[in-house]
């Protein structure tokens, strides 16, 4: 019996490309979860979580791939250049049902593409998040592991000494969703939540003084009871921005620890990442999907960081945007998305702030 062929229509998502789009970098096998600029702006790193854990280094002069870094340590969760730009730091997490998560922190030579060091505890732990201090001396890593004696699943936040490669002080971790150092390197902000009776119990942004380890009063989340999934400091350190999966962006005044403004993404689109421009005037928000809707064309909203008004919406990604980062000179914005591309946007001439979406 011959089976009849059945044609299944395939819906291809279309996304209008904003005129600010200047380049689309292709080559990743899976979605791009994070992008990071080298301090001199000559290299862009992009991380894709795949079975082989793939990091690409892009030459920004040629806008071409220069190298692909691969590791067997697990998926990549965190990407940062050291201040001098010679080393790329990557966090790794590999699940293991029997022994608990493993992984570590790998250091790569940017010039050669070779791994130069590996930071691990005596019993390796999975690294779910990381943040490097502005002076490059301290690395904060949110870690997961299974305690050998009791077999209990544990979480912790370790401050690694980058000079010695040794773990230093530990901080309470609970579930840490994101971290950010203040520009002067004196403070560490982290979004955390606790679970009680299988429900969210405590959702807050905690503030630590690095020199003493003292925890300052938590920053209030006045927009929702949802975990904050991304944090970013303004360049002067006076504002901390955080966002959740329902499109709420909070701007905290770091001196008073109070919410200065709350910005709302259209259609309650979740915010995957935030980034301030080098001059501190613009806040970029990476847009993912609205609640209950998957595979929407991704967008990036640029906000006036002072007035809280929308300046421009950048479109072109065909799936959720997961990461945004301004170039050191502030002329380009790089973005990574689930559509497996890295895109570069010219942000040298932005319109004045307005309530209109612009660029759509």
C-alpha atoms as a PDB file:
ATOM      1  CA  UNK A   1       0.000   0.000   0.000  1.00  0.00           C
ATOM      2  CA  UNK A   2       1.420   3.298  -1.060  1.00  0.00           C
ATOM      3  CA  UNK A   3       1.021   6.110   1.431  1.00  0.00           C
ATOM      4  CA  UNK A   4      -0.059   9.465   0.099  1.00  0.00           C
ATOM      5  CA  UNK A   5       2.358  12.305   0.585  1.00  0.00           C
ATOM      6  CA  UNK A   6       1.116  15.000   2.910  1.00  0.00           C
ATOM      7  CA  UNK A   7       2.355  18.543   2.584  1.00  0.00           C
ATOM      8  CA  UNK A   8       2.779  20.330   5.891  1.00  0.00           C
ATOM      9  CA  UNK A   9       2.862  24.101   5.637  1.00  0.00           C
ATOM     10  CA  UNK A  10       5.863  25.696   7.334  1.00  0.00           C
ATOM     11  CA  UNK A  11       5.371  29.106   8.874  1.00  0.00           C
ATOM     12  CA  UNK A  12       8.433  31.273   8.465  1.00  0.00           C
ATOM     13  CA  UNK A  13       8.573  34.178  10.874  1.00  0.00           C
ATOM     14  CA  UNK A  14       9.293  37.471   9.191  1.00  0.00           C
ATOM     15  CA  UNK A  15      10.824  40.392  10.996  1.00  0.00           C
ATOM     16  CA  UNK A  16      11.203  43.847   9.538  1.00  0.00           C
ATOM     17  CA  UNK A  17      14.846  44.875   9.815  1.00  0.00           C
ATOM     18  CA  UNK A  18      15.379  48.284  11.363  1.00  0.00           C
ATOM     19  CA  UNK A  19      17.619  50.624   9.336  1.00  0.00           C
ATOM     20  CA  UNK A  20      20.078  50.653  12.250  1.00  0.00           C
ATOM     21  CA  UNK A  21      21.017  47.016  11.517  1.00  0.00           C
ATOM     22  CA  UNK A  22      24.511  47.052   9.978  1.00  0.00           C
ATOM     23  CA  UNK A  23      25.602  43.392  10.131  1.00  0.00           C
ATOM     24  CA  UNK A  24      24.298  39.885  10.832  1.00  0.00           C
ATOM     25  CA  UNK A  25      26.900  37.357  11.964  1.00  0.00           C
ATOM     26  CA  UNK A  26      26.001  33.728  11.293  1.00  0.00           C
ATOM     27  CA  UNK A  27      27.671  30.435  12.148  1.00  0.00           C
ATOM     28  CA  UNK A  28      26.317  29.265  15.497  1.00  0.00           C
ATOM     29  CA  UNK A  29      24.608  25.869  15.509  1.00  0.00           C
ATOM     30  CA  UNK A  30      22.161  26.850  18.245  1.00  0.00           C
ATOM     31  CA  UNK A  31      20.781  29.988  19.867  1.00  0.00           C
ATOM     32  CA  UNK A  32      23.161  32.675  21.083  1.00  0.00           C
ATOM     33  CA  UNK A  33      22.796  33.251  24.826  1.00  0.00           C
ATOM     34  CA  UNK A  34      25.410  35.882  25.546  1.00  0.00           C
ATOM     35  CA  UNK A  35      27.636  38.414  23.781  1.00  0.00           C
ATOM     36  CA  UNK A  36      30.583  40.362  25.204  1.00  0.00           C
ATOM     37  CA  UNK A  37      32.975  42.974  23.798  1.00  0.00           C
ATOM     38  CA  UNK A  38      36.701  43.036  24.403  1.00  0.00           C
ATOM     39  CA  UNK A  39      37.782  46.288  26.105  1.00  0.00           C
ATOM     40  CA  UNK A  40      39.408  47.586  22.901  1.00  0.00           C
ATOM     41  CA  UNK A  41      36.307  46.798  20.839  1.00  0.00           C
ATOM     42  CA  UNK A  42      38.274  44.734  18.318  1.00  0.00           C
ATOM     43  CA  UNK A  43      36.787  41.369  19.305  1.00  0.00           C
ATOM     44  CA  UNK A  44      33.257  40.233  20.075  1.00  0.00           C
ATOM     45  CA  UNK A  45      32.660  36.938  21.877  1.00  0.00           C
ATOM     46  CA  UNK A  46      29.380  35.046  21.570  1.00  0.00           C
ATOM     47  CA  UNK A  47      28.294  31.996  23.532  1.00  0.00           C
ATOM     48  CA  UNK A  48      25.922  29.299  22.332  1.00  0.00           C
ATOM     49  CA  UNK A  49      24.737  26.544  24.646  1.00  0.00           C
ATOM     50  CA  UNK A  50      25.053  23.373  22.586  1.00  0.00           C
ATOM     51  CA  UNK A  51      26.048  19.773  23.223  1.00  0.00           C
ATOM     52  CA  UNK A  52      29.641  20.800  22.461  1.00  0.00           C
ATOM     53  CA  UNK A  53      29.425  24.216  24.170  1.00  0.00           C
ATOM     54  CA  UNK A  54      30.461  26.688  21.515  1.00  0.00           C
ATOM     55  CA  UNK A  55      32.054  30.130  21.849  1.00  0.00           C
ATOM     56  CA  UNK A  56      32.922  32.199  18.809  1.00  0.00           C
ATOM     57  CA  UNK A  57      35.363  35.094  18.601  1.00  0.00           C
ATOM     58  CA  UNK A  58      34.508  37.640  15.900  1.00  0.00           C
ATOM     59  CA  UNK A  59      36.941  40.083  14.298  1.00  0.00           C
ATOM     60  CA  UNK A  60      35.065  43.392  14.380  1.00  0.00           C
ATOM     61  CA  UNK A  61      37.200  45.070  11.725  1.00  0.00           C
ATOM     62  CA  UNK A  62      36.350  42.343   9.198  1.00  0.00           C
ATOM     63  CA  UNK A  63      33.075  41.342  10.911  1.00  0.00           C
ATOM     64  CA  UNK A  64      34.055  37.723  10.411  1.00  0.00           C
ATOM     65  CA  UNK A  65      34.533  34.729  12.668  1.00  0.00           C
ATOM     66  CA  UNK A  66      38.122  34.455  13.887  1.00  0.00           C
ATOM     67  CA  UNK A  67      37.970  31.371  16.109  1.00  0.00           C
ATOM     68  CA  UNK A  68      35.622  28.826  17.684  1.00  0.00           C
ATOM     69  CA  UNK A  69      36.327  27.632  21.230  1.00  0.00           C
ATOM     70  CA  UNK A  70      34.902  24.322  22.424  1.00  0.00           C
ATOM     71  CA  UNK A  71      34.920  22.624  25.810  1.00  0.00           C
ATOM     72  CA  UNK A  72      33.772  19.349  27.337  1.00  0.00           C
ATOM     73  CA  UNK A  73      33.160  20.963  30.738  1.00  0.00           C
ATOM     74  CA  UNK A  74      29.449  21.487  30.101  1.00  0.00           C
ATOM     75  CA  UNK A  75      27.151  24.219  28.881  1.00  0.00           C
ATOM     76  CA  UNK A  76      28.368  27.797  29.112  1.00  0.00           C
ATOM     77  CA  UNK A  77      26.665  30.085  31.607  1.00  0.00           C
ATOM     78  CA  UNK A  78      28.575  33.329  31.783  1.00  0.00           C
ATOM     79  CA  UNK A  79      31.066  35.126  29.585  1.00  0.00           C
ATOM     80  CA  UNK A  80      33.441  37.998  30.374  1.00  0.00           C
ATOM     81  CA  UNK A  81      36.694  39.553  29.154  1.00  0.00           C
ATOM     82  CA  UNK A  82      39.338  40.501  31.688  1.00  0.00           C
ATOM     83  CA  UNK A  83      40.078  44.282  31.821  1.00  0.00           C
ATOM     84  CA  UNK A  84      43.215  44.060  29.672  1.00  0.00           C
ATOM     85  CA  UNK A  85      41.296  42.023  27.084  1.00  0.00           C
ATOM     86  CA  UNK A  86      43.787  39.169  26.842  1.00  0.00           C
ATOM     87  CA  UNK A  87      41.687  36.539  28.615  1.00  0.00           C
ATOM     88  CA  UNK A  88      38.116  35.335  28.187  1.00  0.00           C
ATOM     89  CA  UNK A  89      36.405  33.871  31.267  1.00  0.00           C
ATOM     90  CA  UNK A  90      33.627  31.283  30.843  1.00  0.00           C
ATOM     91  CA  UNK A  91      31.466  29.470  33.404  1.00  0.00           C
ATOM     92  CA  UNK A  92      30.409  25.846  32.813  1.00  0.00           C
ATOM     93  CA  UNK A  93      27.603  23.652  34.113  1.00  0.00           C
ATOM     94  CA  UNK A  94      27.187  19.928  33.384  1.00  0.00           C
ATOM     95  CA  UNK A  95      24.246  18.105  35.033  1.00  0.00           C
ATOM     96  CA  UNK A  96      24.924  14.697  36.574  1.00  0.00           C
ATOM     97  CA  UNK A  97      21.993  12.878  38.200  1.00  0.00           C
ATOM     98  CA  UNK A  98      24.258  10.535  40.138  1.00  0.00           C
ATOM     99  CA  UNK A  99      27.067  12.744  41.415  1.00  0.00           C
ATOM    100  CA  UNK A 100      25.515  16.186  41.114  1.00  0.00           C
ATOM    101  CA  UNK A 101      26.413  19.087  38.797  1.00  0.00           C
ATOM    102  CA  UNK A 102      30.018  19.565  37.717  1.00  0.00           C
ATOM    103  CA  UNK A 103      31.812  22.165  35.625  1.00  0.00           C
ATOM    104  CA  UNK A 104      34.049  25.032  36.576  1.00  0.00           C
ATOM    105  CA  UNK A 105      35.465  28.272  35.202  1.00  0.00           C
ATOM    106  CA  UNK A 106      37.699  28.178  32.135  1.00  0.00           C
ATOM    107  CA  UNK A 107      40.155  30.896  31.086  1.00  0.00           C
ATOM    108  CA  UNK A 108      41.038  31.297  27.417  1.00  0.00           C
ATOM    109  CA  UNK A 109      43.821  33.172  25.630  1.00  0.00           C
ATOM    110  CA  UNK A 110      41.997  35.516  23.244  1.00  0.00           C
ATOM    111  CA  UNK A 111      44.936  35.731  20.800  1.00  0.00           C
ATOM    112  CA  UNK A 112      45.507  31.980  20.415  1.00  0.00           C
ATOM    113  CA  UNK A 113      42.077  30.586  21.285  1.00  0.00           C
ATOM    114  CA  UNK A 114      43.692  28.121  23.704  1.00  0.00           C
ATOM    115  CA  UNK A 115      42.503  27.355  27.214  1.00  0.00           C
ATOM    116  CA  UNK A 116      45.100  28.535  29.722  1.00  0.00           C
ATOM    117  CA  UNK A 117      43.576  27.719  33.101  1.00  0.00           C
ATOM    118  CA  UNK A 118      40.675  26.036  34.872  1.00  0.00           C
ATOM    119  CA  UNK A 119      39.255  27.168  38.213  1.00  0.00           C
ATOM    120  CA  UNK A 120      37.548  24.373  40.135  1.00  0.00           C
ATOM    121  CA  UNK A 121      36.868  23.349  43.706  1.00  0.00           C
ATOM    122  CA  UNK A 122      38.483  20.130  44.937  1.00  0.00           C
ATOM    123  CA  UNK A 123      35.177  18.535  44.022  1.00  0.00           C
ATOM    124  CA  UNK A 124      34.075  20.375  40.850  1.00  0.00           C
ATOM    125  CA  UNK A 125      30.864  22.374  41.000  1.00  0.00           C
ATOM    126  CA  UNK A 126      28.532  23.525  38.270  1.00  0.00           C
ATOM    127  CA  UNK A 127      28.663  27.263  37.600  1.00  0.00           C
ATOM    128  CA  UNK A 128      25.253  28.678  36.764  1.00  0.00           C
ATOM    129  CA  UNK A 129      26.128  32.406  36.709  1.00  0.00           C
ATOM    130  CA  UNK A 130      29.265  34.527  36.909  1.00  0.00           C
ATOM    131  CA  UNK A 131      30.332  38.157  37.083  1.00  0.00           C
ATOM    132  CA  UNK A 132      33.841  39.632  36.925  1.00  0.00           C
ATOM    133  CA  UNK A 133      34.736  42.717  38.947  1.00  0.00           C
ATOM    134  CA  UNK A 134      35.786  45.812  36.948  1.00  0.00           C
ATOM    135  CA  UNK A 135      39.427  45.480  38.074  1.00  0.00           C
ATOM    136  CA  UNK A 136      39.458  41.797  37.128  1.00  0.00           C
ATOM    137  CA  UNK A 137      40.638  40.703  40.577  1.00  0.00           C
ATOM    138  CA  UNK A 138      37.456  39.021  41.817  1.00  0.00           C
ATOM    139  CA  UNK A 139      35.106  36.619  40.090  1.00  0.00           C
ATOM    140  CA  UNK A 140      31.682  35.945  41.592  1.00  0.00           C
ATOM    141  CA  UNK A 141      30.316  32.514  40.685  1.00  0.00           C
ATOM    142  CA  UNK A 142      26.913  31.093  41.539  1.00  0.00           C
ATOM    143  CA  UNK A 143      27.577  27.385  42.011  1.00  0.00           C
ATOM    144  CA  UNK A 144      25.603  24.154  42.404  1.00  0.00           C
ATOM    145  CA  UNK A 145      26.802  20.775  43.682  1.00  0.00           C
ATOM    146  CA  UNK A 146      25.799  17.682  45.590  1.00  0.00           C
ATOM    147  CA  UNK A 147      27.248  17.353  49.071  1.00  0.00           C
ATOM    148  CA  UNK A 148      29.272  14.155  49.198  1.00  0.00           C
ATOM    149  CA  UNK A 149      28.513  13.170  52.797  1.00  0.00           C
ATOM    150  CA  UNK A 150      24.733  13.594  52.880  1.00  0.00           C
ATOM    151  CA  UNK A 151      24.033  13.650  49.152  1.00  0.00           C
ATOM    152  CA  UNK A 152      22.131  16.916  49.510  1.00  0.00           C
ATOM    153  CA  UNK A 153      21.878  19.382  46.641  1.00  0.00           C
ATOM    154  CA  UNK A 154      23.651  22.630  47.581  1.00  0.00           C
ATOM    155  CA  UNK A 155      23.927  26.157  46.208  1.00  0.00           C
ATOM    156  CA  UNK A 156      26.509  28.786  47.024  1.00  0.00           C
ATOM    157  CA  UNK A 157      28.162  31.934  45.721  1.00  0.00           C
ATOM    158  CA  UNK A 158      31.958  31.885  45.716  1.00  0.00           C
ATOM    159  CA  UNK A 159      34.230  34.905  45.308  1.00  0.00           C
ATOM    160  CA  UNK A 160      37.279  33.630  43.415  1.00  0.00           C
ATOM    161  CA  UNK A 161      40.684  35.330  43.621  1.00  0.00           C
ATOM    162  CA  UNK A 162      41.721  35.649  39.981  1.00  0.00           C
ATOM    163  CA  UNK A 163      45.408  36.175  40.785  1.00  0.00           C
ATOM    164  CA  UNK A 164      45.789  32.911  42.673  1.00  0.00           C
ATOM    165  CA  UNK A 165      42.965  31.000  41.015  1.00  0.00           C
ATOM    166  CA  UNK A 166      41.738  29.991  44.475  1.00  0.00           C
ATOM    167  CA  UNK A 167      38.222  30.178  45.920  1.00  0.00           C
ATOM    168  CA  UNK A 168      37.782  32.868  48.548  1.00  0.00           C
ATOM    169  CA  UNK A 169      34.850  33.974  50.666  1.00  0.00           C
ATOM    170  CA  UNK A 170      31.417  32.387  50.169  1.00  0.00           C
ATOM    171  CA  UNK A 171      28.105  34.242  50.305  1.00  0.00           C
ATOM    172  CA  UNK A 172      24.590  32.882  50.833  1.00  0.00           C
ATOM    173  CA  UNK A 173      23.175  31.957  47.454  1.00  0.00           C
ATOM    174  CA  UNK A 174      19.685  30.425  47.485  1.00  0.00           C
ATOM    175  CA  UNK A 175      18.620  30.601  43.845  1.00  0.00           C
ATOM    176  CA  UNK A 176      20.736  33.349  42.263  1.00  0.00           C
ATOM    177  CA  UNK A 177      19.385  34.343  38.861  1.00  0.00           C
ATOM    178  CA  UNK A 178      21.815  37.133  37.950  1.00  0.00           C
ATOM    179  CA  UNK A 179      24.674  39.220  39.370  1.00  0.00           C
ATOM    180  CA  UNK A 180      26.422  42.520  38.661  1.00  0.00           C
ATOM    181  CA  UNK A 181      29.363  44.415  40.156  1.00  0.00           C
ATOM    182  CA  UNK A 182      29.125  48.158  40.690  1.00  0.00           C
ATOM    183  CA  UNK A 183      31.470  50.166  38.417  1.00  0.00           C
ATOM    184  CA  UNK A 184      33.810  50.949  41.351  1.00  0.00           C
ATOM    185  CA  UNK A 185      33.935  47.247  42.246  1.00  0.00           C
ATOM    186  CA  UNK A 186      32.902  47.863  45.856  1.00  0.00           C
ATOM    187  CA  UNK A 187      29.422  46.343  45.661  1.00  0.00           C
ATOM    188  CA  UNK A 188      27.900  43.160  44.288  1.00  0.00           C
ATOM    189  CA  UNK A 189      24.201  43.051  43.482  1.00  0.00           C
ATOM    190  CA  UNK A 190      22.485  39.715  42.986  1.00  0.00           C
ATOM    191  CA  UNK A 191      18.908  38.718  42.355  1.00  0.00           C
ATOM    192  CA  UNK A 192      17.849  35.813  44.542  1.00  0.00           C
ATOM    193  CA  UNK A 193      14.758  33.861  45.425  1.00  0.00           C
ATOM    194  CA  UNK A 194      13.845  31.084  47.826  1.00  0.00           C
ATOM    195  CA  UNK A 195      11.348  28.260  47.475  1.00  0.00           C
ATOM    196  CA  UNK A 196       9.131  27.106  50.326  1.00  0.00           C
ATOM    197  CA  UNK A 197       6.486  24.391  50.032  1.00  0.00           C
ATOM    198  CA  UNK A 198       7.166  24.258  46.274  1.00  0.00           C
ATOM    199  CA  UNK A 199       6.312  27.946  45.878  1.00  0.00           C
ATOM    200  CA  UNK A 200       8.290  31.157  45.518  1.00  0.00           C
ATOM    201  CA  UNK A 201       8.817  32.492  49.015  1.00  0.00           C
ATOM    202  CA  UNK A 202      11.319  35.364  48.925  1.00  0.00           C
ATOM    203  CA  UNK A 203      12.121  37.355  45.777  1.00  0.00           C
ATOM    204  CA  UNK A 204      14.567  40.231  46.154  1.00  0.00           C
ATOM    205  CA  UNK A 205      17.738  41.936  44.982  1.00  0.00           C
ATOM    206  CA  UNK A 206      20.490  41.693  47.580  1.00  0.00           C
ATOM    207  CA  UNK A 207      23.369  44.084  47.931  1.00  0.00           C
ATOM    208  CA  UNK A 208      26.782  43.077  49.314  1.00  0.00           C
ATOM    209  CA  UNK A 209      29.732  45.205  50.391  1.00  0.00           C
ATOM    210  CA  UNK A 210      32.734  43.347  48.991  1.00  0.00           C
ATOM    211  CA  UNK A 211      35.388  44.575  51.424  1.00  0.00           C
ATOM    212  CA  UNK A 212      33.521  43.363  54.502  1.00  0.00           C
ATOM    213  CA  UNK A 213      31.040  40.858  53.074  1.00  0.00           C
ATOM    214  CA  UNK A 214      28.279  42.827  54.786  1.00  0.00           C
ATOM    215  CA  UNK A 215      24.819  42.443  53.283  1.00  0.00           C
ATOM    216  CA  UNK A 216      22.983  45.748  53.001  1.00  0.00           C
ATOM    217  CA  UNK A 217      19.178  46.088  53.006  1.00  0.00           C
ATOM    218  CA  UNK A 218      17.586  44.333  50.036  1.00  0.00           C
ATOM    219  CA  UNK A 219      16.278  46.423  47.152  1.00  0.00           C
ATOM    220  CA  UNK A 220      12.477  46.224  46.862  1.00  0.00           C
ATOM    221  CA  UNK A 221      10.713  44.742  43.855  1.00  0.00           C
ATOM    222  CA  UNK A 222       7.664  46.981  43.602  1.00  0.00           C
ATOM    223  CA  UNK A 223       6.550  45.741  40.173  1.00  0.00           C
ATOM    224  CA  UNK A 224       5.826  42.046  40.726  1.00  0.00           C
ATOM    225  CA  UNK A 225       6.597  38.927  42.731  1.00  0.00           C
ATOM    226  CA  UNK A 226       8.571  37.439  39.861  1.00  0.00           C
ATOM    227  CA  UNK A 227      12.329  36.792  40.086  1.00  0.00           C
ATOM    228  CA  UNK A 228      14.588  39.409  38.538  1.00  0.00           C
ATOM    229  CA  UNK A 229      16.513  37.705  35.722  1.00  0.00           C
ATOM    230  CA  UNK A 230      18.956  40.437  34.667  1.00  0.00           C
ATOM    231  CA  UNK A 231      20.802  43.293  36.393  1.00  0.00           C
ATOM    232  CA  UNK A 232      22.939  46.153  35.068  1.00  0.00           C
ATOM    233  CA  UNK A 233      24.610  49.143  36.730  1.00  0.00           C
ATOM    234  CA  UNK A 234      24.764  52.539  35.075  1.00  0.00           C
ATOM    235  CA  UNK A 235      28.286  53.718  34.323  1.00  0.00           C
ATOM    236  CA  UNK A 236      28.270  56.181  37.253  1.00  0.00           C
ATOM    237  CA  UNK A 237      26.946  53.508  39.630  1.00  0.00           C
ATOM    238  CA  UNK A 238      24.015  55.651  40.743  1.00  0.00           C
ATOM    239  CA  UNK A 239      21.374  53.463  39.091  1.00  0.00           C
ATOM    240  CA  UNK A 240      20.821  49.719  39.114  1.00  0.00           C
ATOM    241  CA  UNK A 241      18.416  48.336  36.514  1.00  0.00           C
ATOM    242  CA  UNK A 242      16.677  44.982  36.817  1.00  0.00           C
ATOM    243  CA  UNK A 243      13.961  43.234  34.825  1.00  0.00           C
ATOM    244  CA  UNK A 244      11.696  40.192  34.948  1.00  0.00           C
ATOM    245  CA  UNK A 245       9.906  37.866  32.535  1.00  0.00           C
ATOM    246  CA  UNK A 246       6.761  40.010  32.454  1.00  0.00           C
ATOM    247  CA  UNK A 247       8.398  43.049  30.930  1.00  0.00           C
ATOM    248  CA  UNK A 248       8.886  45.084  34.119  1.00  0.00           C
ATOM    249  CA  UNK A 249      12.127  47.093  34.227  1.00  0.00           C
ATOM    250  CA  UNK A 250      12.943  48.671  37.573  1.00  0.00           C
ATOM    251  CA  UNK A 251      15.460  51.483  38.074  1.00  0.00           C
ATOM    252  CA  UNK A 252      16.773  51.655  41.626  1.00  0.00           C
ATOM    253  CA  UNK A 253      18.580  54.670  43.060  1.00  0.00           C
ATOM    254  CA  UNK A 254      21.588  52.976  44.673  1.00  0.00           C
ATOM    255  CA  UNK A 255      22.091  55.749  47.252  1.00  0.00           C
ATOM    256  CA  UNK A 256      18.566  55.564  48.668  1.00  0.00           C
ATOM    257  CA  UNK A 257      17.877  51.905  47.751  1.00  0.00           C
ATOM    258  CA  UNK A 258      14.492  52.993  46.387  1.00  0.00           C
ATOM    259  CA  UNK A 259      12.817  52.448  43.015  1.00  0.00           C
ATOM    260  CA  UNK A 260      13.212  55.607  40.931  1.00  0.00           C
ATOM    261  CA  UNK A 261      11.155  54.446  37.951  1.00  0.00           C
ATOM    262  CA  UNK A 262       9.441  51.400  36.485  1.00  0.00           C
ATOM    263  CA  UNK A 263       9.426  50.881  32.717  1.00  0.00           C
ATOM    264  CA  UNK A 264       6.997  48.551  30.955  1.00  0.00           C
ATOM    265  CA  UNK A 265       7.753  46.500  27.855  1.00  0.00           C
ATOM    266  CA  UNK A 266       4.930  46.267  25.329  1.00  0.00           C
ATOM    267  CA  UNK A 267       2.736  43.128  25.497  1.00  0.00           C
ATOM    268  CA  UNK A 268       4.497  42.236  28.768  1.00  0.00           C
ATOM    269  CA  UNK A 269       7.400  40.820  26.768  1.00  0.00           C
ATOM    270  CA  UNK A 270       9.995  39.304  29.045  1.00  0.00           C
ATOM    271  CA  UNK A 271      13.390  40.994  29.318  1.00  0.00           C
ATOM    272  CA  UNK A 272      16.350  38.638  28.951  1.00  0.00           C
ATOM    273  CA  UNK A 273      19.176  41.160  29.328  1.00  0.00           C
ATOM    274  CA  UNK A 274      19.903  44.824  30.048  1.00  0.00           C
ATOM    275  CA  UNK A 275      22.863  47.039  29.156  1.00  0.00           C
ATOM    276  CA  UNK A 276      23.683  50.713  29.736  1.00  0.00           C
ATOM    277  CA  UNK A 277      25.521  52.662  27.054  1.00  0.00           C
ATOM    278  CA  UNK A 278      29.032  53.874  28.033  1.00  0.00           C
ATOM    279  CA  UNK A 279      27.761  57.445  28.475  1.00  0.00           C
ATOM    280  CA  UNK A 280      24.958  56.175  30.721  1.00  0.00           C
ATOM    281  CA  UNK A 281      22.233  57.898  28.705  1.00  0.00           C
ATOM    282  CA  UNK A 282      20.667  54.836  27.065  1.00  0.00           C
ATOM    283  CA  UNK A 283      19.396  51.542  28.473  1.00  0.00           C
ATOM    284  CA  UNK A 284      19.006  48.632  26.051  1.00  0.00           C
ATOM    285  CA  UNK A 285      16.520  45.875  26.894  1.00  0.00           C
ATOM    286  CA  UNK A 286      16.582  42.529  25.089  1.00  0.00           C
ATOM    287  CA  UNK A 287      13.020  41.420  24.416  1.00  0.00           C
ATOM    288  CA  UNK A 288      11.955  37.785  24.480  1.00  0.00           C
ATOM    289  CA  UNK A 289       8.386  36.478  24.242  1.00  0.00           C
ATOM    290  CA  UNK A 290       5.117  37.725  25.676  1.00  0.00           C
ATOM    291  CA  UNK A 291       3.415  35.429  28.206  1.00  0.00           C
ATOM    292  CA  UNK A 292       1.820  32.447  26.453  1.00  0.00           C
ATOM    293  CA  UNK A 293       3.415  33.233  23.106  1.00  0.00           C
ATOM    294  CA  UNK A 294       6.493  31.463  21.766  1.00  0.00           C
ATOM    295  CA  UNK A 295       8.789  32.148  18.813  1.00  0.00           C
ATOM    296  CA  UNK A 296       7.884  35.797  18.405  1.00  0.00           C
ATOM    297  CA  UNK A 297      10.296  37.939  16.388  1.00  0.00           C
ATOM    298  CA  UNK A 298      12.779  39.363  18.872  1.00  0.00           C
ATOM    299  CA  UNK A 299      13.131  43.041  19.570  1.00  0.00           C
ATOM    300  CA  UNK A 300      15.401  45.420  21.448  1.00  0.00           C
ATOM    301  CA  UNK A 301      13.997  48.499  23.137  1.00  0.00           C
ATOM    302  CA  UNK A 302      16.268  51.487  23.753  1.00  0.00           C
ATOM    303  CA  UNK A 303      15.166  53.656  26.667  1.00  0.00           C
ATOM    304  CA  UNK A 304      16.279  57.097  27.780  1.00  0.00           C
ATOM    305  CA  UNK A 305      17.952  56.161  31.076  1.00  0.00           C
ATOM    306  CA  UNK A 306      17.251  59.585  32.631  1.00  0.00           C
ATOM    307  CA  UNK A 307      13.645  60.276  31.643  1.00  0.00           C
ATOM    308  CA  UNK A 308      12.539  56.644  31.360  1.00  0.00           C
ATOM    309  CA  UNK A 309      10.991  57.325  27.947  1.00  0.00           C
ATOM    310  CA  UNK A 310      11.297  54.978  24.987  1.00  0.00           C
ATOM    311  CA  UNK A 311      13.694  56.147  22.274  1.00  0.00           C
ATOM    312  CA  UNK A 312      13.719  53.373  19.671  1.00  0.00           C
ATOM    313  CA  UNK A 313      12.741  49.759  19.039  1.00  0.00           C
ATOM    314  CA  UNK A 314      15.156  47.672  16.986  1.00  0.00           C
ATOM    315  CA  UNK A 315      13.732  44.755  15.009  1.00  0.00           C
ATOM    316  CA  UNK A 316      15.295  42.103  12.790  1.00  0.00           C
ATOM    317  CA  UNK A 317      15.832  39.042  14.990  1.00  0.00           C
ATOM    318  CA  UNK A 318      13.353  36.269  14.190  1.00  0.00           C
ATOM    319  CA  UNK A 319      13.317  34.821  17.708  1.00  0.00           C
ATOM    320  CA  UNK A 320      13.847  35.947  21.296  1.00  0.00           C
ATOM    321  CA  UNK A 321      16.830  38.228  21.935  1.00  0.00           C
ATOM    322  CA  UNK A 322      18.875  36.830  24.826  1.00  0.00           C
ATOM    323  CA  UNK A 323      21.760  39.278  25.221  1.00  0.00           C
ATOM    324  CA  UNK A 324      22.755  42.871  24.423  1.00  0.00           C
ATOM    325  CA  UNK A 325      26.067  44.697  24.859  1.00  0.00           C
ATOM    326  CA  UNK A 326      27.299  48.149  23.810  1.00  0.00           C
ATOM    327  CA  UNK A 327      30.712  48.486  22.203  1.00  0.00           C
ATOM    328  CA  UNK A 328      33.266  50.337  24.374  1.00  0.00           C
ATOM    329  CA  UNK A 329      32.956  53.481  22.228  1.00  0.00           C
ATOM    330  CA  UNK A 330      29.154  53.308  22.375  1.00  0.00           C
ATOM    331  CA  UNK A 331      28.718  53.372  18.592  1.00  0.00           C
ATOM    332  CA  UNK A 332      27.474  49.801  18.141  1.00  0.00           C
ATOM    333  CA  UNK A 333      25.095  47.546  20.011  1.00  0.00           C
ATOM    334  CA  UNK A 334      25.619  43.792  19.690  1.00  0.00           C
ATOM    335  CA  UNK A 335      22.799  41.326  20.284  1.00  0.00           C
ATOM    336  CA  UNK A 336      22.526  37.546  20.412  1.00  0.00           C
ATOM    337  CA  UNK A 337      19.292  35.635  19.918  1.00  0.00           C
ATOM    338  CA  UNK A 338      17.668  32.241  19.718  1.00  0.00           C
ATOM    339  CA  UNK A 339      17.627  32.607  15.928  1.00  0.00           C
ATOM    340  CA  UNK A 340      21.350  31.602  16.050  1.00  0.00           C
ATOM    341  CA  UNK A 341      22.599  34.997  14.920  1.00  0.00           C
ATOM    342  CA  UNK A 342      24.606  37.872  16.345  1.00  0.00           C
ATOM    343  CA  UNK A 343      23.543  41.279  15.058  1.00  0.00           C
ATOM    344  CA  UNK A 344      25.234  44.668  15.129  1.00  0.00           C
ATOM    345  CA  UNK A 345      23.249  47.899  15.313  1.00  0.00           C
ATOM    346  CA  UNK A 346      24.385  51.463  14.660  1.00  0.00           C
ATOM    347  CA  UNK A 347      23.274  53.511  17.677  1.00  0.00           C
ATOM    348  CA  UNK A 348      25.184  56.716  16.949  1.00  0.00           C
ATOM    349  CA  UNK A 349      22.091  58.719  15.986  1.00  0.00           C
ATOM    350  CA  UNK A 350      19.120  57.922  18.170  1.00  0.00           C
ATOM    351  CA  UNK A 351      15.890  59.928  18.085  1.00  0.00           C
ATOM    352  CA  UNK A 352      14.792  61.974  21.067  1.00  0.00           C
ATOM    353  CA  UNK A 353      12.894  60.156  23.780  1.00  0.00           C
ATOM    354  CA  UNK A 354       9.244  59.604  23.068  1.00  0.00           C
ATOM    355  CA  UNK A 355       6.403  57.297  23.991  1.00  0.00           C
ATOM    356  CA  UNK A 356       6.306  56.012  20.416  1.00  0.00           C
ATOM    357  CA  UNK A 357       8.080  52.747  19.656  1.00  0.00           C
ATOM    358  CA  UNK A 358      10.017  54.153  16.708  1.00  0.00           C
ATOM    359  CA  UNK A 359      11.977  52.159  14.161  1.00  0.00           C
ATOM    360  CA  UNK A 360       9.137  49.679  13.710  1.00  0.00           C
END
